[in-house]
Amino acid sequence: MRSLHTIGIISKPEAPKGPEVVPPLLEWLAAHELTARCDLVTAAYAGREGGLALDEVTDGCDLVVVLGGDGTLLMAAKVIGEREIPLLAVNLGSLGFLTALTTEELFDELERALRGHHRIGHRRMISCTLERNGETLAQYLALNDVVLSKTAEARMVEIDAWVGRHYVCTYRGDGLILATPTGSTAYSLSAGGPIVFPTVAAFSLTPICPHMLTNRPVIVPDSELVTFSVRAPDRHVFLNIDGQQGSLLHSGDRVLCRASKHALRLVRPPRLLYFDVLRQKMHWGQRGPE
């Protein structure tokens, strides 16, 4: 018995390839007697009415197809949350570390998924809690990173950091990034952080423009609770989750980060391995002109 019955589709707005990809995709799903649940953007690409709000698309889905780039995938991961729904990401842009599938590979990969032959990669996530005066203000789930960064009002911020019961130091600079292995090739990499293989059970702690040049990126086990405490004045630090959610912080606020019990189930191309993606996206080891 096949395991796929209902497919959710989430698309990037204003993607030039959207109107080219969505109608054939919906026709393919209908031909295979699969039910499609489309967000409003996807429905518009198909010239249809009845698109769903993002938080309704994944209800009852066995698989979610994301058409866009890494930003669209992060948005879909937020919608999926802790539900273990596989996510098939198709790159409609140019870079896309996570959306490694091309539009040309979409239908072959759907065929594999229909037969149960698709390859799943489990990506670690961060469960993040914001506390103020001992009370929980908000809880978040991050696939890429948790970032504490200075606002326009601040010249420099101070943030205390602990790993487990161990005090690390007080970071002074533009902020801090706590990244998953998935997020190690995002903002953390731009800030000088390391590339971490996806299956490594660790987080990377990367300072942003540190005041002390001896403050270097640190790899910490994801089995430990990572805690940040804000020393900066109120509204001088912004908590940013995957670049899509966040909150202005007050002095004394605490941000508690731990490995989520749930992982994102990401459908991977059948023959494309992690270092293949790095070579393609970052042009590792490629020869220059002869």
Protein backbone atom coordinates (compact mmCIF):
# COMPACT_ATOMS: atom_id res chain seq x y z
CA MET A 1 0.00 0.00 0.00
CA ARG A 2 1.40 3.41 -0.90
CA SER A 3 2.15 5.81 1.92
CA LEU A 4 1.46 9.07 0.08
CA HIS A 5 -2.05 10.41 -0.27
CA THR A 6 -1.95 14.16 0.39
CA ILE A 7 0.77 16.54 -0.78
CA GLY A 8 1.19 20.10 0.50
CA ILE A 9 2.76 22.74 -1.76
CA ILE A 10 4.36 25.96 -0.49
CA SER A 11 5.82 28.37 -3.05
CA LYS A 12 8.05 31.42 -3.02
CA PRO A 13 6.16 34.61 -3.95
CA GLU A 14 7.07 36.33 -7.22
CA ALA A 15 9.25 33.47 -8.43
CA PRO A 16 9.58 33.72 -12.24
CA LYS A 17 9.53 29.92 -12.58
CA GLY A 18 6.44 29.54 -10.39
CA PRO A 19 3.84 29.71 -13.19
CA GLU A 20 5.96 27.27 -15.24
CA VAL A 21 6.38 24.64 -12.51
CA VAL A 22 3.11 24.66 -10.57
CA PRO A 23 0.52 23.73 -13.30
CA PRO A 24 2.45 20.61 -14.48
CA LEU A 25 3.01 19.63 -10.84
CA LEU A 26 -0.70 19.79 -10.05
CA GLU A 27 -1.49 17.82 -13.21
CA TRP A 28 1.04 15.15 -12.22
CA LEU A 29 -0.44 14.85 -8.73
CA ALA A 30 -3.97 14.58 -10.11
CA ALA A 31 -2.87 11.92 -12.61
CA HIS A 32 -1.46 9.88 -9.71
CA GLU A 33 -4.65 10.37 -7.67
CA LEU A 34 -2.89 12.44 -5.04
CA THR A 35 -4.64 15.29 -3.22
CA ALA A 36 -2.85 18.66 -3.35
CA ARG A 37 -3.12 21.30 -0.62
CA CYS A 38 -1.78 24.60 -2.00
CA ASP A 39 -0.90 27.83 -0.27
CA LEU A 40 -2.23 31.09 -1.68
CA VAL A 41 0.91 31.74 -3.76
CA THR A 42 0.81 28.28 -5.34
CA ALA A 43 -2.88 28.60 -6.18
CA ALA A 44 -2.20 31.96 -7.84
CA TYR A 45 0.56 30.45 -10.00
CA ALA A 46 -1.97 27.85 -11.18
CA GLY A 47 -4.66 30.48 -11.81
CA ARG A 48 -6.89 28.84 -9.23
CA GLU A 49 -8.91 30.04 -6.28
CA GLY A 50 -9.12 28.31 -2.94
CA GLY A 51 -5.52 28.56 -1.79
CA LEU A 52 -4.91 27.94 1.90
CA ALA A 53 -3.21 29.98 4.59
CA LEU A 54 0.31 28.75 5.32
CA ASP A 55 -0.58 27.29 8.71
CA GLU A 56 -3.34 25.22 7.08
CA VAL A 57 -1.38 23.74 4.16
CA THR A 58 0.35 20.93 6.07
CA ASP A 59 -2.78 19.59 7.83
CA GLY A 60 -3.07 15.90 7.00
CA CYS A 61 -0.15 15.95 4.56
CA ASP A 62 2.15 12.98 3.95
CA LEU A 63 4.71 15.12 2.12
CA VAL A 64 5.30 18.86 1.61
CA VAL A 65 6.83 20.20 -1.61
CA VAL A 66 8.60 23.54 -1.29
CA LEU A 67 9.16 25.56 -4.46
CA GLY A 68 11.65 28.37 -3.91
CA GLY A 69 14.92 28.88 -2.10
CA ASP A 70 16.31 28.32 1.37
CA GLY A 71 14.19 31.15 2.79
CA THR A 72 11.02 29.45 1.58
CA LEU A 73 12.23 26.18 3.07
CA LEU A 74 12.84 27.85 6.45
CA MET A 75 9.31 29.23 6.31
CA ALA A 76 7.94 25.76 5.54
CA ALA A 77 9.99 24.24 8.37
CA LYS A 78 8.39 26.75 10.75
CA VAL A 79 4.93 25.76 9.52
CA ILE A 80 5.67 22.03 9.89
CA GLY A 81 7.07 22.58 13.38
CA GLU A 82 7.48 19.36 15.31
CA ARG A 83 5.34 17.25 12.98
CA GLU A 84 7.40 14.60 11.22
CA ILE A 85 6.31 15.38 7.67
CA PRO A 86 8.99 14.88 4.98
CA LEU A 87 9.84 18.03 3.06
CA LEU A 88 10.88 17.94 -0.59
CA ALA A 89 12.57 21.23 -1.50
CA VAL A 90 13.01 22.34 -5.11
CA ASN A 91 15.30 25.26 -5.92
CA LEU A 92 13.76 27.97 -8.09
CA GLY A 93 16.64 30.37 -7.49
CA SER A 94 20.42 30.26 -7.83
CA LEU A 95 22.11 29.34 -4.53
CA GLY A 96 20.10 27.13 -2.20
CA PHE A 97 22.20 24.93 0.10
CA LEU A 98 19.07 23.20 1.40
CA THR A 99 16.95 23.31 -1.75
CA ALA A 100 19.35 21.17 -3.74
CA LEU A 101 16.80 19.56 -6.07
CA THR A 102 16.31 21.18 -9.47
CA THR A 103 12.98 21.55 -11.26
CA GLU A 104 14.16 18.94 -13.79
CA GLU A 105 14.53 16.40 -10.95
CA LEU A 106 11.15 17.11 -9.34
CA PHE A 107 8.98 14.46 -10.99
CA ASP A 108 11.60 11.70 -10.81
CA GLU A 109 11.95 12.39 -7.09
CA LEU A 110 8.17 12.35 -6.63
CA GLU A 111 8.07 8.98 -8.38
CA ARG A 112 10.68 7.67 -5.93
CA ALA A 113 8.71 9.08 -3.00
CA LEU A 114 5.54 7.42 -4.27
CA ARG A 115 7.38 4.07 -4.31
CA GLY A 116 8.93 4.73 -0.91
CA HIS A 117 12.45 4.86 -2.36
CA HIS A 118 13.25 8.46 -1.47
CA ARG A 119 16.24 9.29 0.74
CA ILE A 120 15.57 11.22 3.96
CA GLY A 121 18.08 13.38 5.81
CA HIS A 122 17.30 14.28 9.42
CA ARG A 123 18.32 17.86 10.24
CA ARG A 124 18.76 18.89 13.87
CA MET A 125 16.77 21.84 15.19
CA ILE A 126 17.13 24.21 18.14
CA SER A 127 14.38 24.63 20.72
CA CYS A 128 14.69 28.21 22.00
CA THR A 129 13.00 29.73 25.08
CA LEU A 130 12.98 33.45 25.91
CA GLU A 131 12.71 34.21 29.65
CA ARG A 132 12.21 37.56 31.41
CA ASN A 133 12.18 37.84 35.20
CA GLY A 134 11.83 34.08 35.49
CA GLU A 135 8.78 33.90 33.21
CA THR A 136 8.63 32.36 29.74
CA LEU A 137 7.78 35.00 27.14
CA ALA A 138 8.13 32.99 23.93
CA GLN A 139 9.26 29.68 22.53
CA TYR A 140 10.72 29.13 19.08
CA LEU A 141 12.03 26.35 16.86
CA ALA A 142 15.06 27.06 14.66
CA LEU A 143 16.41 25.02 11.77
CA ASN A 144 19.35 27.30 10.94
CA ASP A 145 20.24 29.56 13.84
CA VAL A 146 19.40 31.61 16.89
CA VAL A 147 20.96 35.08 16.58
CA LEU A 148 21.34 37.80 19.20
CA SER A 149 22.37 40.95 17.36
CA LYS A 150 22.70 44.62 18.24
CA THR A 151 20.01 47.03 17.10
CA ALA A 152 20.62 50.36 15.37
CA GLU A 153 20.54 52.09 18.77
CA ALA A 154 23.51 50.13 20.11
CA ARG A 155 27.19 50.65 19.42
CA MET A 156 28.23 47.39 21.09
CA VAL A 157 26.41 44.81 23.20
CA GLU A 158 27.45 42.49 26.03
CA ILE A 159 26.09 38.95 26.26
CA ASP A 160 27.03 36.33 28.85
CA ALA A 161 27.15 32.75 27.57
CA TRP A 162 27.02 29.38 29.34
CA VAL A 163 27.30 25.84 27.98
CA GLY A 164 25.67 23.55 30.50
CA ARG A 165 26.93 24.74 33.90
CA HIS A 166 30.12 26.13 32.40
CA TYR A 167 30.46 29.87 32.00
CA VAL A 168 32.03 30.55 28.60
CA CYS A 169 32.66 34.31 28.65
CA THR A 170 31.01 37.68 28.21
CA TYR A 171 30.94 38.44 24.50
CA ARG A 172 31.32 42.07 23.48
CA GLY A 173 30.61 43.04 19.89
CA ASP A 174 27.76 43.07 17.42
CA GLY A 175 26.19 39.85 18.70
CA LEU A 176 26.27 36.06 18.71
CA ILE A 177 25.09 33.22 16.46
CA LEU A 178 24.18 29.76 17.70
CA ALA A 179 23.89 27.60 14.58
CA THR A 180 22.89 24.03 13.87
CA PRO A 181 25.00 22.02 11.41
CA THR A 182 22.39 22.97 8.79
CA GLY A 183 22.80 26.65 9.66
CA SER A 184 26.59 26.46 9.63
CA THR A 185 26.58 27.38 5.92
CA ALA A 186 24.30 30.39 6.48
CA TYR A 187 24.89 33.51 8.62
CA SER A 188 27.45 31.73 10.81
CA LEU A 189 29.66 31.02 7.79
CA SER A 190 29.51 34.68 6.73
CA ALA A 191 30.63 35.64 10.25
CA GLY A 192 33.66 33.34 10.05
CA GLY A 193 32.13 30.22 11.59
CA PRO A 194 33.00 26.64 10.61
CA ILE A 195 31.16 24.36 8.20
CA VAL A 196 29.72 21.48 10.22
CA PHE A 197 28.67 18.19 8.60
CA PRO A 198 24.88 17.70 8.98
CA THR A 199 25.07 14.54 11.12
CA VAL A 200 27.47 15.99 13.71
CA ALA A 201 25.74 16.30 17.09
CA ALA A 202 26.92 19.83 17.78
CA PHE A 203 26.12 23.52 17.62
CA SER A 204 28.52 26.26 16.56
CA LEU A 205 28.78 29.43 18.65
CA THR A 206 30.04 32.27 16.45
CA PRO A 207 30.61 35.86 17.61
CA ILE A 208 29.63 38.68 15.25
CA CYS A 209 32.40 41.28 14.90
CA PRO A 210 33.79 40.60 18.41
CA HIS A 211 35.53 43.42 20.27
CA MET A 212 38.24 40.94 21.29
CA LEU A 213 39.85 39.23 18.30
CA THR A 214 40.60 36.23 20.53
CA ASN A 215 36.86 35.45 20.67
CA ARG A 216 36.74 32.73 18.03
CA PRO A 217 33.94 30.35 16.96
CA VAL A 218 33.41 27.38 19.28
CA ILE A 219 31.84 23.96 18.60
CA VAL A 220 29.73 22.71 21.52
CA PRO A 221 27.83 19.43 21.99
CA ASP A 222 24.11 19.72 21.30
CA SER A 223 23.44 17.57 24.38
CA GLU A 224 24.15 20.66 26.52
CA LEU A 225 21.84 23.57 27.34
CA VAL A 226 23.26 26.79 25.88
CA THR A 227 22.20 29.91 27.79
CA PHE A 228 22.63 33.58 26.90
CA SER A 229 22.03 36.47 29.29
CA VAL A 230 21.72 40.02 28.00
CA ARG A 231 23.73 42.74 29.71
CA ALA A 232 22.91 45.45 27.19
CA PRO A 233 20.25 48.12 27.85
CA ASP A 234 16.64 47.43 26.95
CA ARG A 235 15.93 47.19 23.21
CA HIS A 236 19.62 47.16 22.27
CA VAL A 237 19.57 43.45 21.36
CA PHE A 238 17.27 41.64 18.95
CA LEU A 239 16.60 37.91 19.11
CA ASN A 240 16.26 36.52 15.59
CA ILE A 241 15.13 32.97 14.77
CA ASP A 242 16.09 31.75 11.28
CA GLY A 243 15.89 35.35 10.07
CA GLN A 244 12.09 35.14 10.19
CA GLN A 245 10.91 35.50 13.80
CA GLY A 246 12.17 37.42 16.73
CA SER A 247 11.80 39.85 19.61
CA LEU A 248 13.51 42.90 21.10
CA LEU A 249 15.27 41.93 24.32
CA HIS A 250 15.55 43.68 27.68
CA SER A 251 18.50 43.80 30.02
CA GLY A 252 18.61 40.58 32.06
CA ASP A 253 16.61 38.54 29.54
CA ARG A 254 17.74 34.95 29.18
CA VAL A 255 17.69 32.90 25.99
CA LEU A 256 17.84 29.15 26.58
CA CYS A 257 18.74 26.90 23.66
CA ARG A 258 18.71 23.12 23.53
CA ALA A 259 18.47 20.46 20.86
CA SER A 260 14.87 19.83 19.87
CA LYS A 261 13.53 16.32 20.28
CA HIS A 262 12.30 16.59 16.70
CA ALA A 263 14.30 16.83 13.46
CA LEU A 264 13.29 18.14 10.07
CA ARG A 265 12.88 15.26 7.59
CA LEU A 266 14.43 16.59 4.39
CA VAL A 267 14.17 14.60 1.15
CA ARG A 268 17.64 14.46 -0.40
CA PRO A 269 18.61 13.93 -4.05
CA PRO A 270 19.42 10.23 -4.66
CA ARG A 271 23.02 10.68 -5.80
CA LEU A 272 23.96 14.14 -4.55
CA LEU A 273 26.02 14.07 -1.34
CA TYR A 274 26.83 16.91 1.06
CA PHE A 275 30.25 17.72 -0.33
CA ASP A 276 28.82 17.60 -3.86
CA VAL A 277 26.50 20.44 -2.81
CA LEU A 278 29.39 22.42 -1.32
CA ARG A 279 31.43 22.02 -4.49
CA GLN A 280 28.49 23.12 -6.64
CA LYS A 281 27.42 26.06 -4.49
CA MET A 282 30.83 27.27 -3.26
CA HIS A 283 32.91 26.16 -6.27
CA TRP A 284 35.37 24.20 -4.14
CA GLY A 285 38.40 22.89 -5.96
CA GLN A 286 37.32 24.13 -9.35
CA ARG A 287 40.00 25.12 -11.81
CA GLY A 288 40.32 28.63 -13.09
CA PRO A 289 40.65 29.48 -16.78
CA GLU A 290 43.52 27.69 -18.52
